[in-house]
C-alpha atoms as a PDB file:
ATOM      1  CA  UNK A   1      -0.101   0.212   0.235  1.00  0.00           C
ATOM      2  CA  UNK A   2       1.677   3.429  -0.390  1.00  0.00           C
ATOM      3  CA  UNK A   3       1.798   6.324   2.193  1.00  0.00           C
ATOM      4  CA  UNK A   4      -0.594   8.885   1.425  1.00  0.00           C
ATOM      5  CA  UNK A   5       1.223  11.924   0.318  1.00  0.00           C
ATOM      6  CA  UNK A   6       0.626  15.641   0.173  1.00  0.00           C
ATOM      7  CA  UNK A   7       1.603  17.955  -2.340  1.00  0.00           C
ATOM      8  CA  UNK A   8       5.249  18.557  -0.469  1.00  0.00           C
ATOM      9  CA  UNK A   9       5.362  14.898   0.331  1.00  0.00           C
ATOM     10  CA  UNK A  10       4.346  12.302   2.925  1.00  0.00           C
ATOM     11  CA  UNK A  11       2.152  12.976   5.837  1.00  0.00           C
ATOM     12  CA  UNK A  12       4.054  13.973   8.351  1.00  0.00           C
ATOM     13  CA  UNK A  13       1.351  12.549  10.976  1.00  0.00           C
ATOM     14  CA  UNK A  14       1.613   8.713   9.480  1.00  0.00           C
ATOM     15  CA  UNK A  15       5.524   9.019   9.558  1.00  0.00           C
ATOM     16  CA  UNK A  16       6.374  10.204  12.908  1.00  0.00           C
ATOM     17  CA  UNK A  17       5.040  10.368  16.463  1.00  0.00           C
ATOM     18  CA  UNK A  18       3.817  12.771  18.286  1.00  0.00           C
ATOM     19  CA  UNK A  19       6.278  12.659  21.026  1.00  0.00           C
ATOM     20  CA  UNK A  20       8.680  13.067  17.578  1.00  0.00           C
ATOM     21  CA  UNK A  21       7.108  15.727  16.223  1.00  0.00           C
ATOM     22  CA  UNK A  22       7.059  17.946  19.595  1.00  0.00           C
ATOM     23  CA  UNK A  23      10.806  17.244  20.155  1.00  0.00           C
ATOM     24  CA  UNK A  24      11.419  18.417  16.183  1.00  0.00           C
ATOM     25  CA  UNK A  25       9.496  21.308  17.362  1.00  0.00           C
ATOM     26  CA  UNK A  26      11.139  22.011  20.199  1.00  0.00           C
ATOM     27  CA  UNK A  27      14.639  21.830  18.541  1.00  0.00           C
ATOM     28  CA  UNK A  28      12.793  23.810  15.887  1.00  0.00           C
ATOM     29  CA  UNK A  29      12.342  26.856  18.371  1.00  0.00           C
ATOM     30  CA  UNK A  30      15.677  26.364  19.919  1.00  0.00           C
ATOM     31  CA  UNK A  31      17.340  26.850  17.081  1.00  0.00           C
ATOM     32  CA  UNK A  32      15.483  30.564  15.785  1.00  0.00           C
ATOM     33  CA  UNK A  33      16.237  30.961  19.704  1.00  0.00           C
ATOM     34  CA  UNK A  34      19.794  30.848  19.242  1.00  0.00           C
ATOM     35  CA  UNK A  35      19.739  32.507  15.521  1.00  0.00           C
ATOM     36  CA  UNK A  36      17.886  35.385  17.208  1.00  0.00           C
ATOM     37  CA  UNK A  37      20.213  35.794  20.247  1.00  0.00           C
ATOM     38  CA  UNK A  38      23.792  35.733  17.823  1.00  0.00           C
ATOM     39  CA  UNK A  39      22.095  38.439  15.868  1.00  0.00           C
ATOM     40  CA  UNK A  40      21.403  40.289  19.085  1.00  0.00           C
ATOM     41  CA  UNK A  41      23.900  39.472  20.006  1.00  0.00           C
ATOM     42  CA  UNK A  42      25.974  41.109  16.719  1.00  0.00           C
ATOM     43  CA  UNK A  43      23.719  44.057  16.947  1.00  0.00           C
ATOM     44  CA  UNK A  44      25.016  45.442  20.803  1.00  0.00           C
ATOM     45  CA  UNK A  45      28.509  44.629  19.709  1.00  0.00           C
ATOM     46  CA  UNK A  46      28.619  47.155  16.257  1.00  0.00           C
ATOM     47  CA  UNK A  47      26.785  49.474  18.353  1.00  0.00           C
ATOM     48  CA  UNK A  48      29.141  49.043  21.222  1.00  0.00           C
ATOM     49  CA  UNK A  49      32.276  49.257  18.752  1.00  0.00           C
ATOM     50  CA  UNK A  50      30.115  52.362  17.056  1.00  0.00           C
ATOM     51  CA  UNK A  51      29.226  54.256  20.201  1.00  0.00           C
ATOM     52  CA  UNK A  52      33.065  54.379  21.675  1.00  0.00           C
ATOM     53  CA  UNK A  53      34.758  54.925  17.884  1.00  0.00           C
ATOM     54  CA  UNK A  54      31.832  57.855  17.682  1.00  0.00           C
ATOM     55  CA  UNK A  55      32.335  59.221  21.856  1.00  0.00           C
ATOM     56  CA  UNK A  56      36.761  59.065  20.475  1.00  0.00           C
ATOM     57  CA  UNK A  57      35.994  60.969  17.378  1.00  0.00           C
ATOM     58  CA  UNK A  58      34.003  63.760  19.201  1.00  0.00           C
ATOM     59  CA  UNK A  59      35.931  64.359  21.961  1.00  0.00           C
ATOM     60  CA  UNK A  60      39.810  64.846  20.050  1.00  0.00           C
ATOM     61  CA  UNK A  61      38.208  66.071  16.821  1.00  0.00           C
ATOM     62  CA  UNK A  62      37.852  69.305  17.446  1.00  0.00           C
ATOM     63  CA  UNK A  63      41.438  70.256  19.255  1.00  0.00           C
ATOM     64  CA  UNK A  64      43.777  68.026  16.761  1.00  0.00           C
ATOM     65  CA  UNK A  65      41.666  67.018  13.307  1.00  0.00           C
ATOM     66  CA  UNK A  66      39.812  70.872  12.836  1.00  0.00           C
ATOM     67  CA  UNK A  67      36.529  72.055  11.901  1.00  0.00           C
ATOM     68  CA  UNK A  68      36.307  70.097   9.152  1.00  0.00           C
ATOM     69  CA  UNK A  69      36.393  66.847  10.782  1.00  0.00           C
ATOM     70  CA  UNK A  70      34.202  67.494  13.156  1.00  0.00           C
ATOM     71  CA  UNK A  71      31.539  66.926  10.405  1.00  0.00           C
ATOM     72  CA  UNK A  72      33.314  63.939   8.728  1.00  0.00           C
ATOM     73  CA  UNK A  73      33.593  61.327  11.224  1.00  0.00           C
ATOM     74  CA  UNK A  74      31.283  61.497  13.408  1.00  0.00           C
ATOM     75  CA  UNK A  75      28.423  61.642  11.408  1.00  0.00           C
ATOM     76  CA  UNK A  76      30.355  58.814   9.151  1.00  0.00           C
ATOM     77  CA  UNK A  77      29.859  56.358  12.246  1.00  0.00           C
ATOM     78  CA  UNK A  78      27.116  58.024  13.125  1.00  0.00           C
ATOM     79  CA  UNK A  79      25.029  56.788   9.531  1.00  0.00           C
ATOM     80  CA  UNK A  80      27.500  53.670   9.634  1.00  0.00           C
ATOM     81  CA  UNK A  81      25.429  52.625  13.315  1.00  0.00           C
ATOM     82  CA  UNK A  82      21.975  53.821  11.516  1.00  0.00           C
ATOM     83  CA  UNK A  83      22.107  51.728   8.989  1.00  0.00           C
ATOM     84  CA  UNK A  84      24.015  48.130  10.545  1.00  0.00           C
ATOM     85  CA  UNK A  85      20.762  48.700  12.795  1.00  0.00           C
ATOM     86  CA  UNK A  86      18.652  49.508   9.603  1.00  0.00           C
ATOM     87  CA  UNK A  87      19.765  46.375   8.533  1.00  0.00           C
ATOM     88  CA  UNK A  88      19.506  44.045  11.996  1.00  0.00           C
ATOM     89  CA  UNK A  89      16.276  44.786  12.043  1.00  0.00           C
ATOM     90  CA  UNK A  90      13.914  42.791   9.669  1.00  0.00           C
ATOM     91  CA  UNK A  91      16.782  39.723  11.011  1.00  0.00           C
ATOM     92  CA  UNK A  92      15.206  40.135  14.336  1.00  0.00           C
ATOM     93  CA  UNK A  93      11.727  40.072  13.300  1.00  0.00           C
ATOM     94  CA  UNK A  94      11.939  37.372  11.063  1.00  0.00           C
ATOM     95  CA  UNK A  95      13.833  34.969  13.688  1.00  0.00           C
ATOM     96  CA  UNK A  96      10.834  36.015  16.175  1.00  0.00           C
ATOM     97  CA  UNK A  97       8.053  35.352  13.698  1.00  0.00           C
ATOM     98  CA  UNK A  98       9.267  31.386  13.212  1.00  0.00           C
ATOM     99  CA  UNK A  99       9.474  31.253  16.986  1.00  0.00           C
ATOM    100  CA  UNK A 100       6.285  31.941  17.387  1.00  0.00           C
ATOM    101  CA  UNK A 101       5.066  29.614  14.044  1.00  0.00           C
ATOM    102  CA  UNK A 102       7.100  26.997  16.076  1.00  0.00           C
ATOM    103  CA  UNK A 103       5.298  27.902  18.993  1.00  0.00           C
ATOM    104  CA  UNK A 104       1.603  27.580  17.698  1.00  0.00           C
ATOM    105  CA  UNK A 105       2.137  24.414  16.431  1.00  0.00           C
ATOM    106  CA  UNK A 106       3.865  23.048  19.603  1.00  0.00           C
ATOM    107  CA  UNK A 107       0.429  24.068  21.144  1.00  0.00           C
ATOM    108  CA  UNK A 108      -1.875  23.102  18.344  1.00  0.00           C
ATOM    109  CA  UNK A 109      -0.025  19.306  18.917  1.00  0.00           C
ATOM    110  CA  UNK A 110      -0.590  20.231  23.016  1.00  0.00           C
ATOM    111  CA  UNK A 111      -3.998  21.033  21.904  1.00  0.00           C
ATOM    112  CA  UNK A 112      -4.647  17.993  19.315  1.00  0.00           C
ATOM    113  CA  UNK A 113      -2.644  15.219  21.597  1.00  0.00           C
ATOM    114  CA  UNK A 114      -3.606  15.849  25.289  1.00  0.00           C
ATOM    115  CA  UNK A 115      -1.733  13.259  26.796  1.00  0.00           C
ATOM    116  CA  UNK A 116       1.576  15.539  25.366  1.00  0.00           C
ATOM    117  CA  UNK A 117       0.243  17.771  28.830  1.00  0.00           C
ATOM    118  CA  UNK A 118       2.855  16.676  30.813  1.00  0.00           C
ATOM    119  CA  UNK A 119       5.907  18.026  28.435  1.00  0.00           C
ATOM    120  CA  UNK A 120       4.692  21.042  28.911  1.00  0.00           C
ATOM    121  CA  UNK A 121       5.096  23.805  31.439  1.00  0.00           C
ATOM    122  CA  UNK A 122       1.141  25.063  30.018  1.00  0.00           C
ATOM    123  CA  UNK A 123      -1.173  22.611  30.651  1.00  0.00           C
ATOM    124  CA  UNK A 124      -4.433  25.037  30.025  1.00  0.00           C
ATOM    125  CA  UNK A 125      -5.199  27.655  28.199  1.00  0.00           C
ATOM    126  CA  UNK A 126      -4.799  30.449  30.486  1.00  0.00           C
ATOM    127  CA  UNK A 127      -1.286  29.230  31.530  1.00  0.00           C
ATOM    128  CA  UNK A 128      -0.438  29.108  27.830  1.00  0.00           C
ATOM    129  CA  UNK A 129      -1.599  33.004  27.609  1.00  0.00           C
ATOM    130  CA  UNK A 130       0.489  33.700  30.619  1.00  0.00           C
ATOM    131  CA  UNK A 131       3.424  31.846  28.961  1.00  0.00           C
ATOM    132  CA  UNK A 132       2.749  33.807  25.960  1.00  0.00           C
ATOM    133  CA  UNK A 133       2.639  37.364  28.164  1.00  0.00           C
ATOM    134  CA  UNK A 134       5.661  36.549  29.613  1.00  0.00           C
ATOM    135  CA  UNK A 135       7.243  35.558  26.456  1.00  0.00           C
ATOM    136  CA  UNK A 136       6.264  38.604  24.244  1.00  0.00           C
ATOM    137  CA  UNK A 137       7.038  40.984  28.020  1.00  0.00           C
ATOM    138  CA  UNK A 138      10.307  39.439  27.963  1.00  0.00           C
ATOM    139  CA  UNK A 139      11.098  39.749  24.246  1.00  0.00           C
ATOM    140  CA  UNK A 140      10.701  43.351  24.140  1.00  0.00           C
ATOM    141  CA  UNK A 141      14.473  44.476  24.382  1.00  0.00           C
ATOM    142  CA  UNK A 142      15.112  42.947  21.266  1.00  0.00           C
ATOM    143  CA  UNK A 143      11.976  44.303  19.344  1.00  0.00           C
ATOM    144  CA  UNK A 144      12.938  47.737  20.737  1.00  0.00           C
ATOM    145  CA  UNK A 145      16.803  47.743  20.891  1.00  0.00           C
ATOM    146  CA  UNK A 146      16.842  48.518  16.852  1.00  0.00           C
ATOM    147  CA  UNK A 147      14.253  51.379  17.293  1.00  0.00           C
ATOM    148  CA  UNK A 148      16.248  52.931  20.001  1.00  0.00           C
ATOM    149  CA  UNK A 149      19.529  52.921  18.113  1.00  0.00           C
ATOM    150  CA  UNK A 150      18.064  54.104  15.348  1.00  0.00           C
ATOM    151  CA  UNK A 151      16.501  56.991  17.385  1.00  0.00           C
ATOM    152  CA  UNK A 152      19.493  57.704  18.968  1.00  0.00           C
ATOM    153  CA  UNK A 153      21.993  57.662  15.469  1.00  0.00           C
ATOM    154  CA  UNK A 154      19.849  59.373  14.067  1.00  0.00           C
ATOM    155  CA  UNK A 155      20.425  62.124  16.969  1.00  0.00           C
ATOM    156  CA  UNK A 156      23.962  61.546  16.746  1.00  0.00           C
ATOM    157  CA  UNK A 157      24.240  62.732  13.021  1.00  0.00           C
ATOM    158  CA  UNK A 158      22.837  65.975  13.608  1.00  0.00           C
ATOM    159  CA  UNK A 159      24.421  66.560  17.053  1.00  0.00           C
ATOM    160  CA  UNK A 160      28.792  67.120  15.217  1.00  0.00           C
ATOM    161  CA  UNK A 161      26.467  69.287  12.327  1.00  0.00           C
ATOM    162  CA  UNK A 162      24.758  71.717  15.671  1.00  0.00           C
ATOM    163  CA  UNK A 163      28.089  71.849  17.289  1.00  0.00           C
ATOM    164  CA  UNK A 164      29.365  73.454  14.868  1.00  0.00           C
ATOM    165  CA  UNK A 165      27.141  75.719  13.926  1.00  0.00           C
ATOM    166  CA  UNK A 166      25.819  76.590  17.242  1.00  0.00           C
ATOM    167  CA  UNK A 167      28.383  76.652  19.345  1.00  0.00           C
END
């Protein structure tokens, strides 16, 4: 007898057990969490480096480099920080979207297979909502940090011009 197939291949429910499927979903959530953590770490590291370079350029520029360097180096560093943040933001959001999709699949599996409730910290809908709320609150930094960095770099980009013309 032939295996039941979908347009993408064999029906996954016929190939694996529910426990294997739960383990797979959790491994995918773990993988995506590691991806987002890596992206956040790279963003924070790049921002720290650029803030140090910016501050160094601002403190030493007016005495040693002259006024023209005040309008060149710090704004370029601010532009670089802005662009790095702007480019990192979609990747962070995409990883969190993938985590949410895998968590939804995991939740549906728990609802469909009641005996799997022993393998979750949220055995009922109220606990699930509370856990999801805590996860969203915990992810606020990851979601808001790029916006804060974008605003900060926009301000940092204008500071040298303000100091040059209105000092």
